[in-house]
Protein backbone atom coordinates (compact mmCIF):
# COMPACT_ATOMS: atom_id res chain seq x y z
CA MET A 1 94.86 176.57 175.68
CA LEU A 2 91.91 174.39 175.99
CA PRO A 3 92.02 171.40 178.28
CA MET A 4 92.57 168.07 176.93
CA ARG A 5 88.83 166.96 177.35
CA HIS A 6 87.75 169.53 174.63
CA LEU A 7 90.23 168.67 172.00
CA ILE A 8 89.05 166.50 169.03
CA THR A 9 91.40 165.30 166.40
CA LEU A 10 90.68 165.99 162.67
CA PRO A 11 90.29 162.07 161.96
CA ALA A 12 87.69 161.75 165.01
CA LEU A 13 85.96 164.94 163.56
CA LEU A 14 85.52 163.50 159.94
CA LEU A 15 84.32 160.26 161.46
CA LEU A 16 81.61 162.02 163.45
CA SER A 17 80.53 164.20 160.64
CA SER A 18 80.34 161.06 158.39
CA LEU A 19 78.36 159.33 160.84
CA ALA A 20 76.07 162.30 161.17
CA THR A 21 75.50 162.63 157.46
CA GLY A 22 74.94 158.81 157.25
CA SER A 23 72.26 158.73 159.79
CA ALA A 24 70.55 161.73 158.27
CA LEU A 25 70.36 160.19 154.92
CA ALA A 26 69.28 156.82 156.52
CA ARG A 27 66.29 158.65 157.96
CA SER A 28 65.35 160.48 154.97
CA THR A 29 62.46 159.02 152.79
CA PRO A 30 61.11 160.16 149.48
CA ASP A 31 58.20 162.38 149.31
CA SER A 32 56.55 160.61 146.64
CA GLY A 33 57.57 158.49 143.85
CA ASP A 34 56.54 155.59 141.41
CA THR A 35 55.76 152.32 142.47
CA LEU A 36 58.12 150.01 140.93
CA LEU A 37 57.25 146.60 139.34
CA ILE A 38 60.05 144.78 141.03
CA GLU A 39 58.39 146.07 144.59
CA ARG A 40 55.17 144.40 143.63
CA VAL A 41 56.71 141.20 142.20
CA ASN A 42 58.99 140.80 145.29
CA ALA A 43 56.20 141.54 147.87
CA PRO A 44 55.55 138.42 149.95
CA ALA A 45 51.88 138.55 149.05
CA ALA A 46 52.73 137.95 145.34
CA ALA A 47 51.47 134.32 144.53
CA THR A 48 52.27 132.90 141.13
CA PRO A 49 53.04 129.54 139.88
CA VAL A 50 56.18 127.76 140.48
CA ARG A 51 58.57 126.64 138.09
CA GLY A 52 57.79 122.97 137.26
CA ALA A 53 54.24 122.92 138.25
CA SER A 54 52.01 121.33 135.64
CA MET A 55 49.19 122.92 133.46
CA ALA A 56 46.61 121.19 135.79
CA GLN A 57 48.23 122.34 139.14
CA VAL A 58 48.18 125.92 137.72
CA THR A 59 44.60 125.68 136.71
CA ALA A 60 43.57 124.25 140.07
CA ARG A 61 45.27 126.80 141.99
CA PHE A 62 44.68 130.05 139.93
CA GLY A 63 41.71 128.92 137.95
CA ALA A 64 41.11 129.26 134.11
CA PRO A 65 43.44 131.98 132.34
CA LEU A 66 42.02 135.22 130.87
CA GLU A 67 43.53 134.22 127.70
CA ARG A 68 45.53 131.27 126.14
CA LEU A 69 47.92 132.98 123.66
CA ASP A 70 48.98 131.05 120.78
CA ALA A 71 51.51 128.25 121.12
CA ARG A 72 55.29 129.01 119.70
CA GLY A 73 57.84 126.32 118.52
CA GLY A 74 57.39 122.73 118.10
CA GLN A 75 58.44 122.54 114.74
CA LYS A 76 61.60 120.41 115.68
CA ARG A 77 62.24 118.11 118.73
CA GLN A 78 64.87 120.53 119.94
CA TRP A 79 62.24 123.34 119.98
CA PRO A 80 59.66 122.22 122.28
CA THR A 81 56.15 123.86 122.24
CA ILE A 82 55.67 126.95 124.53
CA ASN A 83 52.39 127.58 125.54
CA ARG A 84 51.64 131.18 127.45
CA TRP A 85 48.50 131.54 129.55
CA ARG A 86 47.62 135.22 130.69
CA TYR A 87 46.37 136.07 133.96
CA PRO A 88 45.32 139.31 135.37
CA ASP A 89 48.69 140.08 136.89
CA PHE A 90 51.07 137.68 135.24
CA ILE A 91 51.80 135.38 131.92
CA VAL A 92 52.62 131.86 132.71
CA TYR A 93 54.95 130.13 130.17
CA PHE A 94 54.92 126.32 129.75
CA GLU A 95 57.30 124.14 128.05
CA ARG A 96 55.04 121.40 126.94
CA ASP A 97 52.92 121.03 129.92
CA ARG A 98 55.29 122.38 132.78
CA VAL A 99 55.94 125.99 134.07
CA ILE A 100 59.38 127.26 132.93
CA ASP A 101 58.72 131.10 133.60
CA VAL A 102 56.18 133.64 134.96
CA VAL A 103 56.30 137.21 134.18
CA ALA A 104 54.49 140.21 135.91
CA ILE A 105 52.20 142.53 133.84
CA GLN A 106 52.66 146.15 134.40
CA ALA A 107 49.41 147.10 136.47
CA SER A 108 49.12 150.60 135.77
CA ALA A 109 50.70 153.86 133.93
CA THR A 110 52.01 154.97 137.35
CA GLU A 111 53.77 151.69 137.81
CA ALA A 112 57.42 151.80 136.31
CA GLY A 113 59.47 148.87 135.12
CA PRO A 114 63.18 148.91 134.23
CA ARG A 115 64.20 151.71 132.20
CA PRO A 116 66.29 151.23 128.88
CA PRO A 117 70.10 151.85 129.04
CA ILE A 118 71.09 155.47 128.33
CA ARG A 119 73.42 155.57 125.45
């Protein structure tokens, strides 16, 4: 019979094995992989216009856009005119003259965006 100090109960053994497995998983890193669009967008250095900024403020901070895309909407009062300006890394959407959204552009073929759902 083993002395008491060498006995380990089954629950304690399961706990120790799960802790060892969890720490091994936490240390493992992928060898290689795609750069995700969300990683670039959420990076602290990603400077984009803020919601509510005017067209003049966006032009002053980011310069002239590469392209001013055709405006959409405006046929009725409830459908305000939506303007779109294309910059190298993002497209800015304006409602009348105020920023309502900024959408990142896929930088390269190796950068993966969201995948469609599997059906």
